[in-house]
Protein backbone atom coordinates (compact mmCIF):
# COMPACT_ATOMS: atom_id res chain seq x y z
CA UNK A 1 191.32 -170.14 188.98
CA UNK A 2 189.91 -166.61 189.09
CA UNK A 3 190.78 -164.63 192.20
CA UNK A 4 188.02 -163.06 194.28
CA UNK A 5 188.01 -159.26 194.38
CA UNK A 6 189.17 -159.18 198.03
CA UNK A 7 192.11 -161.47 197.18
CA UNK A 8 193.13 -159.13 194.35
CA UNK A 9 193.03 -156.18 196.74
CA UNK A 10 195.07 -157.95 199.40
CA UNK A 11 197.64 -159.12 196.86
CA UNK A 12 198.10 -155.63 195.41
CA UNK A 13 198.63 -154.11 198.85
CA UNK A 14 201.02 -156.82 200.06
CA UNK A 15 204.07 -154.62 199.33
CA UNK A 16 202.62 -151.55 201.08
CA UNK A 17 203.22 -150.43 204.67
CA UNK A 18 201.11 -153.00 206.48
CA UNK A 19 200.74 -151.07 209.75
CA UNK A 20 198.57 -148.38 208.10
CA UNK A 21 196.51 -150.55 205.73
CA UNK A 22 193.63 -150.91 208.25
CA UNK A 23 193.12 -147.15 207.84
CA UNK A 24 192.95 -147.57 204.08
CA UNK A 25 190.47 -150.42 204.22
CA UNK A 26 188.28 -148.52 206.69
CA UNK A 27 188.23 -145.53 204.33
CA UNK A 28 187.34 -147.81 201.41
CA UNK A 29 184.45 -149.31 203.40
CA UNK A 30 182.55 -145.98 203.53
CA UNK A 31 180.76 -146.41 200.18
CA UNK A 32 181.24 -147.59 196.60
CA UNK A 33 182.95 -144.37 195.50
CA UNK A 34 185.47 -144.54 198.35
CA UNK A 35 186.09 -148.16 197.37
CA UNK A 36 186.64 -147.04 193.76
CA UNK A 37 189.14 -144.41 194.93
CA UNK A 38 191.13 -147.02 196.79
CA UNK A 39 191.23 -149.61 194.00
CA UNK A 40 192.62 -147.91 190.90
CA UNK A 41 194.42 -151.17 190.13
CA UNK A 42 191.12 -153.09 189.87
CA UNK A 43 189.77 -150.59 187.34
CA UNK A 44 192.73 -151.04 185.02
CA UNK A 45 192.89 -154.80 185.52
CA UNK A 46 189.29 -155.03 184.37
CA UNK A 47 189.44 -152.41 181.61
CA UNK A 48 192.65 -153.64 179.97
CA UNK A 49 191.82 -157.35 180.20
CA UNK A 50 189.14 -156.93 177.51
CA UNK A 51 189.64 -153.41 176.19
CA UNK A 52 186.25 -152.40 174.74
CA UNK A 53 186.94 -149.03 173.09
CA UNK A 54 188.04 -147.94 169.64
CA UNK A 55 191.60 -146.79 169.04
CA UNK A 56 192.19 -143.31 170.47
CA UNK A 57 195.27 -141.05 170.33
CA UNK A 58 198.05 -141.41 172.86
CA UNK A 59 198.05 -138.65 175.43
CA UNK A 60 199.42 -137.98 178.90
CA UNK A 61 197.01 -139.10 181.60
CA UNK A 62 197.15 -138.62 185.36
CA UNK A 63 195.93 -142.22 185.54
CA UNK A 64 193.81 -142.03 188.67
CA UNK A 65 191.34 -139.41 187.52
CA UNK A 66 188.18 -139.21 189.58
CA UNK A 67 185.83 -136.47 190.71
CA UNK A 68 187.85 -135.72 193.88
CA UNK A 69 191.28 -135.65 192.22
CA UNK A 70 190.74 -132.04 191.19
CA UNK A 71 191.45 -129.20 193.57
CA UNK A 72 192.67 -125.70 194.20
CA UNK A 73 196.27 -124.86 194.98
CA UNK A 74 198.72 -121.99 194.81
CA UNK A 75 201.06 -122.17 191.84
CA UNK A 76 204.74 -121.30 191.86
CA UNK A 77 203.65 -117.86 190.58
CA UNK A 78 201.61 -117.37 193.82
CA UNK A 79 198.24 -117.38 191.98
CA UNK A 80 195.41 -119.77 192.90
CA UNK A 81 194.33 -122.40 190.37
CA UNK A 82 191.86 -125.27 190.14
CA UNK A 83 193.26 -128.25 188.24
CA UNK A 84 194.15 -131.95 188.28
CA UNK A 85 196.10 -132.71 191.45
CA UNK A 86 197.21 -136.36 191.53
CA UNK A 87 199.78 -137.84 189.14
CA UNK A 88 201.02 -140.95 190.95
CA UNK A 89 199.73 -143.27 188.21
CA UNK A 90 200.56 -140.96 185.31
CA UNK A 91 201.66 -142.48 181.98
CA UNK A 92 201.34 -142.08 178.23
CA UNK A 93 198.18 -143.99 177.21
CA UNK A 94 195.09 -143.86 174.96
CA UNK A 95 193.05 -140.84 175.98
CA UNK A 96 189.85 -142.83 176.58
CA UNK A 97 191.40 -144.51 179.64
CA UNK A 98 191.42 -141.19 181.47
CA UNK A 99 187.94 -139.99 180.63
CA UNK A 100 186.48 -143.46 181.33
CA UNK A 101 187.75 -143.45 184.92
CA UNK A 102 186.37 -139.94 185.46
CA UNK A 103 182.95 -140.92 184.08
CA UNK A 104 182.70 -143.97 186.35
CA UNK A 105 183.60 -141.85 189.37
CA UNK A 106 180.94 -139.26 188.55
CA UNK A 107 178.30 -141.97 188.07
CA UNK A 108 179.22 -143.58 191.41
CA UNK A 109 179.27 -140.28 193.29
CA UNK A 110 175.95 -139.01 191.99
CA UNK A 111 174.37 -142.43 192.48
CA UNK A 112 175.56 -142.57 196.11
CA UNK A 113 173.85 -139.27 196.89
CA UNK A 114 170.61 -140.31 195.21
CA UNK A 115 170.50 -138.37 191.97
CA UNK A 116 167.93 -139.90 189.63
CA UNK A 117 168.96 -141.89 186.58
CA UNK A 118 167.78 -139.02 184.35
CA UNK A 119 169.80 -136.46 186.34
CA UNK A 120 172.90 -138.66 186.26
CA UNK A 121 172.57 -139.13 182.51
CA UNK A 122 172.39 -135.35 181.99
CA UNK A 123 175.49 -134.81 184.12
CA UNK A 124 177.53 -137.41 182.19
CA UNK A 125 176.37 -136.04 178.84
CA UNK A 126 177.40 -132.52 179.79
CA UNK A 127 180.81 -133.70 180.98
CA UNK A 128 181.47 -135.50 177.69
CA UNK A 129 180.06 -132.59 175.64
CA UNK A 130 182.44 -130.07 177.22
CA UNK A 131 185.37 -132.50 177.12
CA UNK A 132 184.89 -133.12 173.39
CA UNK A 133 184.26 -129.46 172.55
CA UNK A 134 187.45 -128.42 174.33
CA UNK A 135 189.46 -130.93 172.29
CA UNK A 136 187.89 -129.49 169.14
CA UNK A 137 189.16 -126.00 169.99
CA UNK A 138 192.76 -127.33 170.36
CA UNK A 139 193.17 -124.58 172.95
CA UNK A 140 193.87 -125.47 176.61
CA UNK A 141 191.95 -123.47 179.19
CA UNK A 142 192.80 -122.81 182.82
CA UNK A 143 190.65 -121.95 185.81
CA UNK A 144 192.11 -119.43 188.23
CA UNK A 145 190.69 -117.09 190.84
CA UNK A 146 189.69 -114.39 188.36
CA UNK A 147 187.84 -116.75 185.98
CA UNK A 148 186.29 -119.30 188.37
CA UNK A 149 182.51 -119.60 188.76
CA UNK A 150 180.06 -121.74 190.75
CA UNK A 151 181.43 -124.46 193.02
CA UNK A 152 185.01 -123.86 191.88
CA UNK A 153 184.81 -120.15 192.70
CA UNK A 154 183.47 -121.02 196.16
CA UNK A 155 186.34 -123.43 196.71
CA UNK A 156 189.02 -120.97 195.59
CA UNK A 157 187.50 -118.09 197.57
CA UNK A 158 187.37 -120.26 200.69
CA UNK A 159 190.99 -121.37 200.52
CA UNK A 160 192.14 -117.86 199.63
CA UNK A 161 191.00 -116.74 203.09
CA UNK A 162 193.24 -119.26 204.82
CA UNK A 163 196.53 -118.11 206.23
CA UNK A 164 199.83 -119.94 206.56
CA UNK A 165 199.80 -119.37 210.32
CA UNK A 166 196.50 -121.24 210.65
CA UNK A 167 198.00 -124.25 208.86
CA UNK A 168 201.00 -124.26 211.20
CA UNK A 169 198.72 -123.87 214.21
CA UNK A 170 196.76 -126.97 213.18
CA UNK A 171 199.81 -129.12 212.39
CA UNK A 172 202.43 -128.02 214.95
CA UNK A 173 202.86 -127.04 218.61
CA UNK A 174 203.28 -123.49 217.26
CA UNK A 175 206.58 -122.77 218.98
CA UNK A 176 208.50 -119.91 217.43
CA UNK A 177 211.77 -121.85 217.55
CA UNK A 178 212.24 -125.62 217.47
CA UNK A 179 208.59 -126.38 216.67
CA UNK A 180 207.33 -129.96 216.53
CA UNK A 181 204.56 -131.65 214.59
CA UNK A 182 201.36 -132.73 216.35
CA UNK A 183 200.85 -136.49 216.28
CA UNK A 184 197.35 -137.57 215.20
CA UNK A 185 195.49 -140.37 213.42
CA UNK A 186 196.87 -138.97 210.18
CA UNK A 187 200.41 -138.29 211.38
CA UNK A 188 202.28 -141.10 213.08
CA UNK A 189 205.61 -141.02 214.88
CA UNK A 190 208.66 -142.65 213.34
CA UNK A 191 211.67 -144.19 215.03
CA UNK A 192 214.13 -141.72 216.51
CA UNK A 193 217.09 -142.89 214.43
CA UNK A 194 215.11 -142.82 211.16
CA UNK A 195 213.78 -139.36 212.04
CA UNK A 196 217.30 -138.07 212.58
CA UNK A 197 218.58 -139.45 209.29
CA UNK A 198 215.59 -138.16 207.34
CA UNK A 199 215.85 -134.71 208.93
CA UNK A 200 219.55 -134.40 208.13
CA UNK A 201 219.25 -135.63 204.56
CA UNK A 202 216.16 -133.54 203.77
CA UNK A 203 217.78 -130.41 205.25
CA UNK A 204 220.86 -130.92 203.07
CA UNK A 205 218.79 -131.67 199.97
CA UNK A 206 216.43 -128.69 200.45
CA UNK A 207 219.36 -126.32 200.89
CA UNK A 208 221.05 -127.59 197.73
CA UNK A 209 217.90 -127.87 195.61
CA UNK A 210 215.76 -124.91 196.71
CA UNK A 211 216.63 -122.44 199.47
CA UNK A 212 219.55 -122.43 201.89
CA UNK A 213 219.09 -121.47 205.51
CA UNK A 214 216.32 -123.90 206.50
CA UNK A 215 216.55 -126.96 208.74
CA UNK A 216 214.11 -129.77 209.50
CA UNK A 217 212.94 -129.58 213.11
CA UNK A 218 210.55 -132.54 213.02
CA UNK A 219 209.21 -135.28 210.76
CA UNK A 220 206.39 -137.82 210.91
CA UNK A 221 204.74 -140.56 208.84
CA UNK A 222 201.87 -138.95 206.96
CA UNK A 223 198.58 -140.62 206.02
CA UNK A 224 196.55 -138.87 203.33
CA UNK A 225 194.16 -139.73 200.53
CA UNK A 226 192.75 -143.23 200.10
CA UNK A 227 194.47 -145.14 197.30
CA UNK A 228 197.93 -144.00 198.35
CA UNK A 229 197.62 -145.07 201.98
CA UNK A 230 200.34 -147.64 202.54
CA UNK A 231 202.87 -145.84 200.37
CA UNK A 232 205.80 -144.40 202.33
CA UNK A 233 204.96 -140.78 203.03
CA UNK A 234 206.48 -138.22 205.37
CA UNK A 235 205.72 -134.75 206.60
CA UNK A 236 208.76 -132.53 207.18
CA UNK A 237 208.64 -129.30 209.17
CA UNK A 238 211.29 -126.82 208.08
CA UNK A 239 212.33 -123.72 209.99
CA UNK A 240 214.41 -120.77 208.86
CA UNK A 241 217.58 -120.76 210.96
CA UNK A 242 217.91 -116.96 211.08
CA UNK A 243 214.19 -116.21 211.33
CA UNK A 244 212.42 -119.17 213.03
CA UNK A 245 209.02 -117.61 212.43
CA UNK A 246 209.42 -118.58 208.78
CA UNK A 247 208.41 -122.22 208.43
CA UNK A 248 207.44 -124.63 205.66
CA UNK A 249 205.58 -127.93 205.70
CA UNK A 250 206.74 -130.37 203.04
CA UNK A 251 204.91 -133.49 201.86
CA UNK A 252 207.39 -136.22 200.87
CA UNK A 253 205.65 -139.10 199.08
CA UNK A 254 207.21 -142.28 197.69
CA UNK A 255 206.83 -142.67 193.93
CA UNK A 256 206.04 -146.22 192.83
CA UNK A 257 205.55 -147.58 189.29
CA UNK A 258 202.13 -146.85 187.79
CA UNK A 259 199.72 -149.70 188.47
CA UNK A 260 198.37 -149.33 184.93
CA UNK A 261 201.50 -150.85 183.43
CA UNK A 262 201.11 -153.97 185.55
CA UNK A 263 198.20 -154.91 183.30
CA UNK A 264 199.39 -153.94 179.82
CA UNK A 265 202.77 -153.07 178.35
CA UNK A 266 202.81 -149.57 176.86
CA UNK A 267 205.98 -147.93 175.61
CA UNK A 268 207.05 -145.13 177.95
CA UNK A 269 209.93 -142.61 178.01
CA UNK A 270 213.11 -143.61 179.82
CA UNK A 271 212.51 -141.76 183.09
CA UNK A 272 215.38 -141.21 185.52
CA UNK A 273 213.18 -142.67 188.26
CA UNK A 274 209.48 -142.89 189.22
CA UNK A 275 209.50 -139.46 190.89
CA UNK A 276 210.88 -137.98 187.68
CA UNK A 277 207.91 -139.49 185.82
CA UNK A 278 205.33 -138.08 188.24
CA UNK A 279 206.84 -134.59 188.31
CA UNK A 280 207.44 -134.22 184.58
CA UNK A 281 203.95 -135.45 183.75
CA UNK A 282 202.45 -133.05 186.29
CA UNK A 283 204.39 -130.13 184.84
CA UNK A 284 203.26 -131.02 181.33
CA UNK A 285 199.59 -131.38 182.24
CA UNK A 286 199.00 -128.59 184.77
CA UNK A 287 198.76 -124.96 183.70
CA UNK A 288 201.09 -123.99 186.57
CA UNK A 289 202.59 -126.43 189.07
CA UNK A 290 202.95 -125.89 192.84
CA UNK A 291 206.11 -124.43 194.36
CA UNK A 292 209.00 -126.68 195.42
CA UNK A 293 207.75 -129.64 193.36
CA UNK A 294 210.84 -131.84 193.05
CA UNK A 295 212.32 -135.32 193.53
CA UNK A 296 214.13 -136.45 196.66
CA UNK A 297 215.96 -139.73 197.28
CA UNK A 298 215.96 -141.38 200.70
CA UNK A 299 217.29 -144.87 201.46
CA UNK A 300 217.33 -145.81 197.75
CA UNK A 301 213.66 -144.87 197.30
CA UNK A 302 212.56 -141.88 195.26
CA UNK A 303 209.99 -139.40 196.59
CA UNK A 304 207.96 -136.51 195.22
CA UNK A 305 208.39 -133.50 197.50
CA UNK A 306 206.11 -130.47 197.49
CA UNK A 307 205.04 -127.79 199.93
CA UNK A 308 201.79 -128.26 201.83
CA UNK A 309 199.80 -125.07 201.43
CA UNK A 310 197.07 -123.38 203.43
CA UNK A 311 195.50 -122.61 200.05
CA UNK A 312 194.60 -126.08 198.81
CA UNK A 313 191.31 -127.92 198.84
CA UNK A 314 188.96 -130.10 196.82
CA UNK A 315 185.20 -130.17 196.36
CA UNK A 316 183.27 -132.99 197.98
CA UNK A 317 179.94 -133.55 196.26
CA UNK A 318 176.96 -133.54 198.62
CA UNK A 319 173.22 -133.38 198.03
CA UNK A 320 171.92 -129.90 198.80
CA UNK A 321 170.07 -127.19 196.94
CA UNK A 322 173.09 -124.98 196.37
CA UNK A 323 175.33 -127.74 195.05
CA UNK A 324 172.56 -129.25 192.92
CA UNK A 325 172.12 -125.99 191.03
CA UNK A 326 175.84 -125.76 190.27
CA UNK A 327 176.66 -129.45 189.77
CA UNK A 328 176.14 -129.70 185.99
CA UNK A 329 178.37 -126.65 185.48
CA UNK A 330 180.98 -128.07 187.85
CA UNK A 331 181.15 -131.45 186.13
CA UNK A 332 181.26 -129.68 182.76
CA UNK A 333 184.28 -127.74 184.03
CA UNK A 334 185.95 -131.05 184.93
CA UNK A 335 185.55 -132.10 181.31
CA UNK A 336 187.17 -128.84 180.18
CA UNK A 337 190.04 -129.24 182.67
CA UNK A 338 190.68 -132.85 181.59
CA UNK A 339 190.73 -132.02 177.89
CA UNK A 340 192.90 -128.96 178.56
CA UNK A 341 195.50 -131.05 180.39
CA UNK A 342 195.65 -133.41 177.40
CA UNK A 343 195.96 -130.52 174.95
CA UNK A 344 198.56 -128.77 177.08
CA UNK A 345 200.77 -131.87 177.09
CA UNK A 346 200.00 -132.88 173.49
CA UNK A 347 202.91 -133.55 171.16
CA UNK A 348 205.31 -133.92 174.09
CA UNK A 349 207.50 -137.02 174.37
CA UNK A 350 205.85 -138.81 171.44
CA UNK A 351 202.16 -138.53 172.34
CA UNK A 352 199.51 -137.30 169.91
CA UNK A 353 199.46 -133.70 168.77
CA UNK A 354 196.63 -131.26 169.40
CA UNK A 355 195.55 -131.73 165.79
CA UNK A 356 195.34 -135.50 166.33
CA UNK A 357 193.20 -134.97 169.44
CA UNK A 358 190.95 -132.64 167.46
CA UNK A 359 190.63 -135.14 164.60
CA UNK A 360 189.56 -137.82 167.07
CA UNK A 361 186.97 -135.51 168.63
CA UNK A 362 185.47 -134.52 165.28
CA UNK A 363 183.44 -137.72 165.39
CA UNK A 364 181.31 -138.53 168.42
CA UNK A 365 180.76 -142.20 167.56
CA UNK A 366 183.02 -143.27 170.47
CA UNK A 367 180.79 -141.61 173.06
CA UNK A 368 177.83 -144.06 173.25
CA UNK A 369 180.02 -147.14 173.81
CA UNK A 370 182.17 -145.26 176.33
CA UNK A 371 179.10 -144.15 178.28
CA UNK A 372 177.51 -147.60 178.14
CA UNK A 373 180.67 -149.30 179.40
CA UNK A 374 181.14 -146.78 182.22
CA UNK A 375 177.56 -147.23 183.42
CA UNK A 376 178.00 -151.00 183.34
CA UNK A 377 181.33 -150.81 185.16
CA UNK A 378 179.87 -148.56 187.86
CA UNK A 379 177.43 -151.38 188.61
CA UNK A 380 180.35 -153.82 188.77
CA UNK A 381 182.10 -151.55 191.27
CA UNK A 382 179.01 -151.60 193.48
CA UNK A 383 178.97 -155.41 193.41
CA UNK A 384 182.70 -155.57 194.18
CA UNK A 385 182.23 -153.09 197.02
CA UNK A 386 179.49 -155.22 198.57
CA UNK A 387 181.81 -158.26 198.51
CA UNK A 388 184.69 -156.24 199.93
CA UNK A 389 182.55 -154.72 202.69
CA UNK A 390 181.31 -158.12 203.82
CA UNK A 391 184.79 -159.67 204.17
CA UNK A 392 186.18 -156.44 205.69
CA UNK A 393 183.51 -156.60 208.40
CA UNK A 394 184.37 -160.26 208.96
CA UNK A 395 188.04 -159.35 209.58
CA UNK A 396 189.57 -160.82 206.41
CA UNK A 397 192.03 -157.92 206.06
CA UNK A 398 193.27 -158.26 209.64
CA UNK A 399 195.09 -161.53 208.92
């Protein structure tokens, strides 16, 4: 007997942290795109059950690529970049899986904010055109502060003005010594004993792995994103012992197996652990990765740790004159960034080479079917969202 969409969602989230799932479901109830963000597993269940596309080269994919999983951040070299920024579901897979998820997300987003069918078609065509052309060059491109234009330039310029002190002021009580995190809807308290153990272990690990002389003064349970809500995630506040004015905020996120592989077996490298997979894929695909990106083990679980920066942000698509004029260029840039990540990681750990990606892109006969399927699936997402919203309102997810 076929499960209803809401039963599939509840089953998938059964192993997550149940106390925070109402926050996830509320976020998913906003609109069809938010629902799509929170149900990556449904996308791959549906796509891989009856895979519709031609054979395409193996490449590294971030797995959960959508229009809001791109953003600006400061690399380990202290320069600002705009790139892919979520690798929780990353695996080696046929390249069309990645671009299909991005296309569906763009169609849903632009549909939600009332772009016409003709406008949406132009946007998707431009995305695919720039994606394919970048593969044909076999040369990865990167977008940094000096080369950014349009919406991406505005995003990078905005975050470049932010200061570390402003981030600490928003997240902490701002004490010079012995500072504490501010509890909020997105940062929950954890039990005193667990906090003590986490603080001690993270302090020891950070000193051995990165920089000695820091100690954790406070921790909390962090809620961020949409799809990842329910995964164990902590925020750690570190303070320099000799100079307490120097502080760092570290995001510590549990790494779970990619949901894609629950639906189809695909041969993968023998990773040391799931955090190792996420980090190595991120380093292969990004032009430059953020500082302090590393794996941390706590109570037998593996976590991806990275510094939270004042200089990080994403672009939320809204309907206004300024964004409308830049939107085609912005979505075209996403196509370039996606292809560049695949080229950058090509030939690594037994995926296709740049020449194989180019050979695939030399023909465009895969594009019409891909576009047709993505448009059809976007309509399916809207139907699934309507079903989900109805049972969510009725309290199904509270039991």
